[in-house]
Amino acid sequence: MRSDFKRQPAGISADDLVAFANSEGGGSILAGVDEAVVGKAQIGHVCGCDVSDGTVLQILNKAVSCIPPVSIDIYIENLDDKPILRVEVPPSPTKPHCTPKGVYCCRDGARNRPLHPSELLRLFLDSEASAFAARFEVAAERITAELNNLETSLDNSIKSMSDQLGWADYQLDDTESTLRTIQGYVAKLTAETGSINSRLRELFLQDERNDPVREKARLQYVDRCINEIREDGNLFSHVIAGGKLTVSGKQPEDSEITDDDARQLLEVATMHVHDTERDKNYLIVVKSPKECSDTEIDQFAAKVAESGEVADGVRERVKRAFRLGSIVYEGVVVGTAALKNPTANYRAKVFKRAGSQLNPAAYPYELGWIFLDLPHREKGQMTRLTKDLLSAISGDALFATTRTSNEVMRGILDQLEFIDDGLEYLSEQNPSETLKLFIRPAPQDQTTERAV
């Protein structure tokens, strides 16, 4: 999908700009257009937005903050009715780009996804090719004189060899001597040719730049390892089961690859095959409760109850949520997360108990019911789920609460750019536990809104 809808311009993030710039076809972002579902199709509903110079400047600042800056064009459309902003992000000639936090991503359908190391390597290789050519041209000038001298030396050697061979025609009785002479000249030519290769390698290594020929060989080595693993049933089963592989030996064409390279690149290929196949068994599902069947509601509620955070009335609370997210592994729900629609009284109570000075009304959504079965943790699936959930409220502020002792939850919130607010407070359900409030302001909020 080469277009994206944002309800407000503030919903356009550096991740969005980087993802489109790193993609082959670029894309468009329409701010002031809300997503709607008609049947099974997603369409855009024009709701209009602020198109002032200040808003445009905020988007430009986000593009400039990317590394390197992303080139964009911003147009104001539909000015006579409900104005919207159209942000065109062409495919970048200077890719790969990353966000100010160092995140490399690209567009994949309707979402942003991180770049795989092999994809990132290809982008770096493409972008460095022209720069390397220019640098090599400058460096080549420095050895032109040496090459000219070498050419003269080779010409003299060849002429001398020709003279010696001509002389050998008259010395047929001394065949063994003639052959030794020829071998000596061939050895000399081989040595002089090798010196050219050495000089060129020194040029590649100057100012710590990688040799693009070597980088290409590394990429080809990884691709070949991946293909060999997939084509060999025993190797494939061993890798999928989490097994490791060792290098048995390099092929003659792998002269650019060192033994350390071979071990490292085989590990990269093994991890790629394992993670790719593992992720095929997982399904990320994000729906509103109204779109869920009774069975799906029951499964979600059962998993939430299993987490131990909610006891009474969990099913009814689940049905009142804004969005429900599930991680499904081979047809079984193994993880949950949700965007809740907390009442104004509940929000006011939470912020007051935490001693927060923020205005609860500015945080309409709560992220909660985050739980994942132990065997499925540390595989990146909860990160996928929470990012899909948060994309449903791009540009809106939200909050979350967690037990102080829950280090896993605190780590997830930190990864999602939540910040803690207020003080720890006692849990009403379990007085032996303390809770902590975390908030994630809307992207456009440069300063936190305070309660009046």
Protein backbone atom coordinates (compact mmCIF):
# COMPACT_ATOMS: atom_id res chain seq x y z
CA MET A 1 0.00 0.00 0.00
CA ARG A 2 1.60 3.27 -1.15
CA SER A 3 -0.70 5.57 0.84
CA ASP A 4 -1.55 6.09 4.47
CA PHE A 5 -4.31 8.01 6.22
CA LYS A 6 -3.81 10.14 9.31
CA ARG A 7 -6.63 11.81 11.17
CA GLN A 8 -4.36 14.68 12.24
CA PRO A 9 -1.00 15.94 10.87
CA ALA A 10 0.53 15.20 14.28
CA GLY A 11 -0.03 11.51 13.57
CA ILE A 12 2.67 11.62 10.88
CA SER A 13 5.77 10.23 12.57
CA ALA A 14 9.42 9.96 11.60
CA ASP A 15 8.81 6.20 11.26
CA ASP A 16 6.23 6.85 8.52
CA LEU A 17 8.55 9.19 6.57
CA VAL A 18 11.52 6.83 6.88
CA ALA A 19 9.44 3.76 5.89
CA PHE A 20 8.17 5.35 2.66
CA ALA A 21 11.59 6.85 1.79
CA ASN A 22 13.23 3.43 2.21
CA SER A 23 10.61 1.70 0.04
CA GLU A 24 11.02 1.21 -3.70
CA GLY A 25 7.98 3.24 -4.74
CA GLY A 26 7.78 5.83 -1.96
CA GLY A 27 4.24 6.81 -1.03
CA SER A 28 1.72 9.42 0.05
CA ILE A 29 0.41 10.34 3.49
CA LEU A 30 -2.97 12.08 3.66
CA ALA A 31 -3.46 14.08 6.87
CA GLY A 32 -7.05 15.01 7.65
CA VAL A 33 -8.39 11.71 6.32
CA ASP A 34 -9.74 9.14 8.77
CA GLU A 35 -9.80 5.41 8.06
CA ALA A 36 -13.21 3.75 7.76
CA VAL A 37 -14.30 0.21 7.01
CA VAL A 38 -17.06 -0.45 4.46
CA GLY A 39 -17.77 -4.12 4.26
CA LYS A 40 -14.31 -5.66 4.26
CA ALA A 41 -12.63 -2.74 2.50
CA GLN A 42 -10.79 0.14 4.16
CA ILE A 43 -11.55 3.57 2.73
CA GLY A 44 -10.62 7.11 3.65
CA HIS A 45 -13.11 9.58 5.10
CA VAL A 46 -12.18 13.24 4.68
CA CYS A 47 -12.54 15.05 7.99
CA GLY A 48 -10.16 17.97 7.38
CA CYS A 49 -7.27 19.25 9.46
CA ASP A 50 -5.13 22.27 10.28
CA VAL A 51 -3.12 23.26 7.18
CA SER A 52 -1.38 26.32 8.60
CA ASP A 53 2.29 27.11 8.12
CA GLY A 54 3.00 25.94 11.66
CA THR A 55 1.58 22.50 10.95
CA VAL A 56 3.55 22.20 7.71
CA LEU A 57 6.70 23.29 9.55
CA GLN A 58 6.21 20.53 12.17
CA ILE A 59 6.08 17.89 9.41
CA LEU A 60 9.16 19.36 7.72
CA ASN A 61 11.03 19.31 11.04
CA LYS A 62 10.28 15.59 11.42
CA ALA A 63 11.63 14.95 7.91
CA VAL A 64 14.79 16.96 8.63
CA SER A 65 15.34 15.08 11.93
CA CYS A 66 15.66 11.76 10.08
CA ILE A 67 19.16 10.44 9.37
CA PRO A 68 19.88 11.43 6.65
CA PRO A 69 17.01 13.94 6.22
CA VAL A 70 14.07 12.69 4.15
CA SER A 71 13.02 14.76 1.13
CA ILE A 72 9.25 15.39 1.04
CA ASP A 73 6.73 17.56 -0.83
CA ILE A 74 3.66 18.91 1.01
CA TYR A 75 0.49 19.98 -0.83
CA ILE A 76 -2.75 21.48 0.48
CA GLU A 77 -5.78 19.80 -1.08
CA ASN A 78 -9.57 20.30 -0.90
CA LEU A 79 -9.10 23.89 0.37
CA ASP A 80 -12.66 24.99 -0.47
CA ASP A 81 -14.30 22.31 1.69
CA LYS A 82 -12.36 20.38 4.34
CA PRO A 83 -8.69 21.07 3.71
CA ILE A 84 -6.23 18.21 3.97
CA LEU A 85 -2.47 17.86 3.60
CA ARG A 86 -0.91 15.51 1.06
CA VAL A 87 2.65 14.59 1.95
CA GLU A 88 4.51 12.99 -0.95
CA VAL A 89 7.53 10.90 0.06
CA PRO A 90 9.48 9.81 -3.03
CA PRO A 91 11.80 6.77 -2.92
CA SER A 92 15.06 8.20 -1.64
CA PRO A 93 18.31 8.06 -3.64
CA THR A 94 20.22 8.34 -0.34
CA LYS A 95 18.55 5.42 1.45
CA PRO A 96 18.67 3.83 3.94
CA HIS A 97 17.17 6.40 6.31
CA CYS A 98 16.56 5.93 10.02
CA THR A 99 14.58 7.80 12.68
CA PRO A 100 16.34 10.04 15.23
CA LYS A 101 16.31 7.00 17.52
CA GLY A 102 18.18 4.86 14.99
CA VAL A 103 15.24 2.75 13.78
CA TYR A 104 15.50 1.52 10.16
CA CYS A 105 12.14 0.52 8.69
CA CYS A 106 10.28 0.27 5.38
CA ARG A 107 6.67 0.11 4.23
CA ASP A 108 5.12 -3.36 4.09
CA GLY A 109 1.52 -3.25 2.97
CA ALA A 110 -0.41 -1.04 5.40
CA ARG A 111 2.23 -1.02 8.13
CA ASN A 112 5.82 -0.09 8.86
CA ARG A 113 8.20 -2.94 9.58
CA PRO A 114 11.88 -3.04 10.60
CA LEU A 115 14.42 -3.71 7.88
CA HIS A 116 16.07 -7.13 7.94
CA PRO A 117 19.89 -7.02 8.16
CA SER A 118 20.20 -8.40 4.61
CA GLU A 119 17.84 -5.70 3.30
CA LEU A 120 19.76 -3.03 5.18
CA LEU A 121 23.03 -4.36 3.75
CA ARG A 122 21.66 -4.12 0.20
CA LEU A 123 20.54 -0.51 0.75
CA PHE A 124 23.91 0.48 2.21
CA LEU A 125 25.68 -1.24 -0.68
CA ASP A 126 23.56 0.56 -3.28
CA SER A 127 24.02 3.99 -1.65
CA GLU A 128 27.76 3.54 -1.22
CA ALA A 129 28.36 2.39 -4.80
CA SER A 130 28.31 5.86 -6.40
CA ALA A 131 30.25 7.42 -3.53
CA PHE A 132 32.84 4.69 -3.81
CA ALA A 133 33.12 5.20 -7.58
CA ALA A 134 33.88 8.90 -7.08
CA ARG A 135 36.40 8.19 -4.34
CA PHE A 136 38.02 5.45 -6.40
CA GLU A 137 38.36 7.80 -9.36
CA VAL A 138 40.23 10.30 -7.19
CA ALA A 139 42.39 7.59 -5.71
CA ALA A 140 43.08 6.13 -9.14
CA GLU A 141 44.68 9.38 -10.21
CA ARG A 142 47.25 8.95 -7.46
CA ILE A 143 48.46 5.65 -8.87
CA THR A 144 48.26 6.56 -12.56
CA ALA A 145 51.95 7.36 -12.63
CA GLU A 146 52.78 4.04 -10.94
CA LEU A 147 50.61 2.14 -13.40
CA ASN A 148 52.28 3.94 -16.30
CA ASN A 149 55.65 2.93 -14.93
CA LEU A 150 54.40 -0.60 -14.47
CA GLU A 151 53.08 -0.64 -18.04
CA THR A 152 56.50 0.46 -19.29
CA SER A 153 58.14 -2.22 -17.19
CA LEU A 154 55.77 -4.85 -18.55
CA ASP A 155 56.40 -3.69 -22.12
CA ASN A 156 60.15 -3.97 -21.55
CA SER A 157 59.70 -7.39 -19.99
CA ILE A 158 57.58 -8.62 -22.86
CA LYS A 159 60.06 -7.19 -25.39
CA SER A 160 62.91 -8.84 -23.53
CA MET A 161 60.99 -12.11 -23.46
CA SER A 162 60.36 -11.81 -27.19
CA ASP A 163 64.06 -11.21 -27.80
CA GLN A 164 64.95 -14.18 -25.60
CA LEU A 165 62.42 -16.39 -27.38
CA GLY A 166 63.82 -15.29 -30.73
CA TRP A 167 67.26 -16.14 -29.47
CA ALA A 168 65.91 -19.50 -28.25
CA ASP A 169 64.92 -20.37 -31.81
CA TYR A 170 68.63 -20.54 -32.57
CA GLN A 171 69.37 -22.48 -29.40
CA LEU A 172 67.13 -25.52 -29.89
CA ASP A 173 69.84 -27.74 -28.51
CA ASP A 174 69.46 -26.00 -25.12
CA THR A 175 65.70 -26.64 -24.62
CA GLU A 176 65.87 -27.02 -20.84
CA SER A 177 67.62 -23.65 -20.46
CA THR A 178 65.07 -21.99 -22.72
CA LEU A 179 62.14 -23.32 -20.65
CA ARG A 180 63.72 -22.12 -17.41
CA THR A 181 64.14 -18.67 -18.94
CA ILE A 182 60.48 -18.57 -20.01
CA GLN A 183 59.33 -19.71 -16.56
CA GLY A 184 61.41 -16.95 -14.98
CA TYR A 185 59.77 -14.27 -17.08
CA VAL A 186 56.29 -15.67 -16.40
CA ALA A 187 57.03 -15.61 -12.66
CA LYS A 188 58.16 -12.00 -12.96
CA LEU A 189 54.96 -11.01 -14.81
CA THR A 190 52.84 -12.80 -12.18
CA ALA A 191 54.58 -10.94 -9.35
CA GLU A 192 54.17 -7.56 -11.05
CA THR A 193 50.49 -8.24 -11.78
CA GLY A 194 49.96 -9.22 -8.13
CA SER A 195 51.37 -5.88 -7.04
CA ILE A 196 48.56 -4.14 -8.93
CA ASN A 197 46.00 -6.12 -6.94
CA SER A 198 47.76 -5.22 -3.68
CA ARG A 199 47.73 -1.52 -4.54
CA LEU A 200 44.01 -1.61 -5.33
CA ARG A 201 43.22 -3.37 -2.03
CA GLU A 202 45.14 -0.68 -0.14
CA LEU A 203 42.92 1.91 -1.80
CA PHE A 204 39.78 0.08 -0.65
CA LEU A 205 41.05 -0.10 2.91
CA GLN A 206 42.02 3.56 3.18
CA ASP A 207 39.93 5.68 5.60
CA GLU A 208 38.35 2.41 6.85
CA ARG A 209 35.96 1.98 3.93
CA ASN A 210 34.72 -1.48 3.04
CA ASP A 211 35.55 -3.08 -0.27
CA PRO A 212 32.22 -3.27 -2.20
CA VAL A 213 33.44 -6.43 -3.95
CA ARG A 214 33.89 -8.07 -0.55
CA GLU A 215 30.52 -6.80 0.68
CA LYS A 216 28.84 -8.25 -2.41
CA ALA A 217 30.59 -11.55 -1.77
CA ARG A 218 29.33 -11.53 1.85
CA LEU A 219 25.76 -10.93 0.71
CA GLN A 220 26.00 -13.71 -1.88
CA TYR A 221 27.45 -16.03 0.77
CA VAL A 222 24.46 -15.40 3.09
CA ASP A 223 21.98 -15.95 0.25
CA ARG A 224 23.69 -19.18 -0.72
CA CYS A 225 23.66 -20.43 2.88
CA ILE A 226 19.94 -19.66 3.16
CA ASN A 227 19.18 -21.56 -0.07
CA GLU A 228 21.29 -24.55 0.99
CA ILE A 229 19.54 -24.73 4.37
CA ARG A 230 16.09 -24.59 2.77
CA GLU A 231 16.96 -27.18 0.12
CA ASP A 232 18.39 -29.71 2.59
CA GLY A 233 15.55 -31.25 4.60
CA ASN A 234 17.78 -32.38 7.46
CA LEU A 235 19.51 -29.00 7.80
CA PHE A 236 16.16 -27.19 7.58
CA SER A 237 14.59 -29.32 10.32
CA HIS A 238 17.68 -28.87 12.50
CA VAL A 239 17.59 -25.06 12.14
CA ILE A 240 13.82 -24.81 12.71
CA ALA A 241 14.28 -26.80 15.92
CA GLY A 242 16.73 -24.13 17.12
CA GLY A 243 19.92 -26.00 16.25
CA LYS A 244 23.18 -24.33 15.23
CA LEU A 245 25.33 -25.01 12.16
CA THR A 246 29.10 -24.94 11.72
CA VAL A 247 31.17 -24.11 8.65
CA SER A 248 32.56 -27.25 7.03
CA GLY A 249 34.61 -25.43 4.43
CA LYS A 250 34.52 -22.61 1.89
CA GLN A 251 34.23 -22.98 -1.86
CA PRO A 252 37.10 -21.77 -4.09
CA GLU A 253 34.93 -18.84 -5.26
CA ASP A 254 34.71 -17.61 -1.66
CA SER A 255 38.20 -16.10 -1.71
CA GLU A 256 36.84 -12.76 -0.44
CA ILE A 257 35.39 -14.46 2.68
CA THR A 258 37.56 -15.08 5.74
CA ASP A 259 36.97 -17.96 8.14
CA ASP A 260 35.54 -15.51 10.71
CA ASP A 261 33.26 -14.07 8.02
CA ALA A 262 32.02 -17.55 7.12
CA ARG A 263 31.11 -18.36 10.73
CA GLN A 264 29.38 -15.02 11.26
CA LEU A 265 27.46 -15.08 7.96
CA LEU A 266 26.30 -18.67 8.50
CA GLU A 267 24.87 -17.57 11.85
CA VAL A 268 23.03 -14.70 10.12
CA ALA A 269 21.58 -17.09 7.52
CA THR A 270 20.57 -19.61 10.20
CA MET A 271 18.81 -16.95 12.28
CA HIS A 272 16.99 -15.62 9.20
CA VAL A 273 15.63 -19.06 8.25
CA HIS A 274 14.64 -19.86 11.84
CA ASP A 275 12.89 -16.53 12.53
CA THR A 276 11.12 -16.47 9.16
CA GLU A 277 9.66 -19.96 9.62
CA ARG A 278 8.83 -19.30 13.27
CA ASP A 279 6.87 -16.15 12.44
CA LYS A 280 4.74 -18.08 9.91
CA ASN A 281 3.13 -19.90 12.85
CA TYR A 282 2.04 -16.63 14.49
CA LEU A 283 -1.00 -14.55 13.54
CA ILE A 284 -1.59 -11.02 14.87
CA VAL A 285 -5.30 -10.17 15.11
CA VAL A 286 -6.59 -6.67 16.00
CA LYS A 287 -10.36 -6.08 16.05
CA SER A 288 -13.01 -4.05 17.77
CA PRO A 289 -15.14 -6.13 20.18
CA LYS A 290 -18.13 -5.75 17.83
CA GLU A 291 -16.18 -7.51 15.08
CA CYS A 292 -15.35 -10.47 17.36
CA SER A 293 -17.42 -13.61 17.68
CA ASP A 294 -18.60 -14.85 21.08
CA THR A 295 -15.90 -17.53 20.93
CA GLU A 296 -13.18 -14.93 20.29
CA ILE A 297 -14.47 -12.81 23.20
CA ASP A 298 -14.45 -15.85 25.47
CA GLN A 299 -10.91 -16.81 24.44
CA PHE A 300 -9.64 -13.27 25.01
CA ALA A 301 -11.37 -12.99 28.40
CA ALA A 302 -9.99 -16.38 29.49
CA LYS A 303 -6.43 -15.35 28.63
CA VAL A 304 -6.85 -12.03 30.51
CA ALA A 305 -8.17 -13.88 33.56
CA GLU A 306 -5.22 -16.27 33.29
CA SER A 307 -2.83 -13.32 33.62
CA GLY A 308 -4.19 -12.67 37.11
CA GLU A 309 -4.79 -8.94 36.58
CA VAL A 310 -8.59 -9.06 36.34
CA ALA A 311 -10.99 -11.32 38.15
CA ASP A 312 -14.64 -10.18 38.24
CA GLY A 313 -16.65 -9.09 35.22
CA VAL A 314 -13.76 -9.55 32.82
CA ARG A 315 -15.94 -10.56 29.87
CA GLU A 316 -18.12 -7.44 30.07
CA ARG A 317 -15.04 -5.25 30.44
CA VAL A 318 -13.51 -6.86 27.37
CA LYS A 319 -16.65 -6.12 25.34
CA ARG A 320 -16.38 -2.41 26.26
CA ALA A 321 -12.80 -2.04 24.98
CA PHE A 322 -11.89 0.06 21.94
CA ARG A 323 -9.64 -2.55 20.29
CA LEU A 324 -8.71 -6.12 21.21
CA GLY A 325 -5.42 -7.62 20.06
CA SER A 326 -4.50 -11.32 20.12
CA ILE A 327 -1.40 -13.34 19.31
CA VAL A 328 -2.51 -16.66 17.81
CA TYR A 329 -0.06 -19.56 17.56
CA GLU A 330 -1.19 -22.55 15.49
CA GLY A 331 -4.84 -21.62 16.09
CA VAL A 332 -4.50 -21.03 19.87
CA VAL A 333 -4.55 -17.61 21.57
CA VAL A 334 -1.25 -17.29 23.45
CA GLY A 335 -1.12 -13.54 24.08
CA THR A 336 -3.35 -10.50 24.49
CA ALA A 337 -3.24 -6.71 24.60
CA ALA A 338 -6.00 -4.12 24.34
CA LEU A 339 -6.85 -0.46 24.02
CA LYS A 340 -9.49 0.22 26.64
CA ASN A 341 -12.16 2.91 26.75
CA PRO A 342 -11.91 3.89 30.43
CA THR A 343 -14.63 6.06 31.94
CA ALA A 344 -13.86 9.62 32.99
CA ASN A 345 -14.34 8.67 36.65
CA TYR A 346 -11.88 5.77 36.40
CA ARG A 347 -9.27 7.94 34.70
CA ALA A 348 -9.65 10.69 37.29
CA LYS A 349 -9.32 8.13 40.09
CA VAL A 350 -6.13 6.58 38.65
CA PHE A 351 -4.42 9.93 38.06
CA LYS A 352 -5.42 11.18 41.51
CA ARG A 353 -4.15 8.07 43.31
CA ALA A 354 -0.86 8.36 41.43
CA GLY A 355 -0.53 11.98 42.51
CA SER A 356 -0.29 13.06 38.86
CA GLN A 357 -0.64 16.72 37.93
CA LEU A 358 -1.74 15.86 34.39
CA ASN A 359 -5.25 16.34 33.05
CA PRO A 360 -6.90 12.86 32.79
CA ALA A 361 -9.21 14.11 30.04
CA ALA A 362 -6.20 14.45 27.73
CA TYR A 363 -5.63 10.65 27.89
CA PRO A 364 -8.77 8.96 26.50
CA TYR A 365 -7.31 5.47 26.01
CA GLU A 366 -5.63 2.94 28.29
CA LEU A 367 -3.23 0.25 27.11
CA GLY A 368 -3.67 -2.87 29.17
CA TRP A 369 -4.33 -6.61 29.49
CA ILE A 370 -0.86 -7.29 28.12
CA PHE A 371 -0.05 -10.96 28.64
CA LEU A 372 1.94 -13.55 26.73
CA ASP A 373 2.47 -17.21 27.57
CA LEU A 374 6.02 -17.84 28.77
CA PRO A 375 7.14 -20.14 25.87
CA HIS A 376 6.34 -17.38 23.35
CA ARG A 377 8.15 -14.48 25.02
CA GLU A 378 11.27 -12.72 23.68
CA LYS A 379 10.34 -13.54 20.07
CA GLY A 380 9.16 -10.08 19.03
CA GLN A 381 5.48 -11.02 18.79
CA MET A 382 4.24 -8.68 21.55
CA THR A 383 6.08 -5.80 19.88
CA ARG A 384 4.25 -6.59 16.63
CA LEU A 385 0.91 -6.71 18.41
CA THR A 386 1.28 -3.47 20.40
CA LYS A 387 2.47 -1.54 17.33
CA ASP A 388 -0.58 -2.72 15.36
CA LEU A 389 -2.82 -1.71 18.26
CA LEU A 390 -1.32 1.76 18.63
CA SER A 391 -1.66 2.41 14.90
CA ALA A 392 -5.44 2.46 15.49
CA ILE A 393 -5.11 5.67 17.57
CA SER A 394 -2.17 7.30 15.86
CA GLY A 395 -1.86 10.83 17.23
CA ASP A 396 -3.88 10.26 20.43
CA ALA A 397 -2.49 10.21 23.97
CA LEU A 398 -2.97 7.20 26.24
CA PHE A 399 -1.93 5.83 29.61
CA ALA A 400 -1.18 2.50 31.24
CA THR A 401 -0.76 1.13 34.76
CA THR A 402 1.29 -1.81 35.90
CA ARG A 403 2.50 -3.48 39.04
CA THR A 404 5.80 -2.01 40.18
CA SER A 405 7.26 -5.51 40.33
CA ASN A 406 6.28 -6.35 36.72
CA GLU A 407 9.61 -5.76 34.99
CA VAL A 408 8.41 -7.33 31.73
CA MET A 409 5.52 -4.88 31.42
CA ARG A 410 7.74 -1.95 32.34
CA GLY A 411 10.17 -2.99 29.60
CA ILE A 412 7.36 -3.12 27.02
CA LEU A 413 6.11 0.33 28.01
CA ASP A 414 9.62 1.74 27.81
CA GLN A 415 10.02 0.29 24.31
CA LEU A 416 6.72 1.95 23.30
CA GLU A 417 8.02 5.34 24.55
CA PHE A 418 5.80 5.57 27.63
CA ILE A 419 7.15 7.63 30.52
CA ASP A 420 6.33 7.17 34.20
CA ASP A 421 4.34 9.87 35.97
CA GLY A 422 3.47 10.53 39.58
CA LEU A 423 4.23 8.25 42.49
CA GLU A 424 3.71 4.58 43.26
CA TYR A 425 0.37 3.80 44.93
CA LEU A 426 -1.21 0.77 46.61
CA SER A 427 -3.36 -1.61 44.61
CA GLU A 428 -6.99 -1.84 45.80
CA GLN A 429 -7.25 -5.51 44.79
CA ASN A 430 -3.97 -6.53 46.42
CA PRO A 431 -2.70 -4.09 49.08
CA SER A 432 0.65 -5.88 49.13
CA GLU A 433 1.30 -4.67 45.57
CA THR A 434 2.10 -1.15 44.41
CA LEU A 435 1.11 0.26 41.04
CA LYS A 436 2.73 2.83 38.75
CA LEU A 437 1.17 5.18 36.20
CA PHE A 438 2.74 5.54 32.74
CA ILE A 439 1.65 8.00 30.05
CA ARG A 440 2.36 8.46 26.36
CA PRO A 441 1.53 12.03 25.23
CA ALA A 442 0.23 12.77 21.76
CA PRO A 443 3.10 13.35 19.29
CA GLN A 444 2.25 17.04 18.89
CA ASP A 445 2.48 17.68 22.64
CA GLN A 446 5.85 19.36 23.18
CA THR A 447 4.92 20.16 26.78
CA THR A 448 2.68 18.04 29.00
CA GLU A 449 -0.80 19.42 29.62
CA ARG A 450 -1.47 20.08 33.28
CA ALA A 451 -4.77 19.85 35.13
CA VAL A 452 -6.46 23.10 35.95
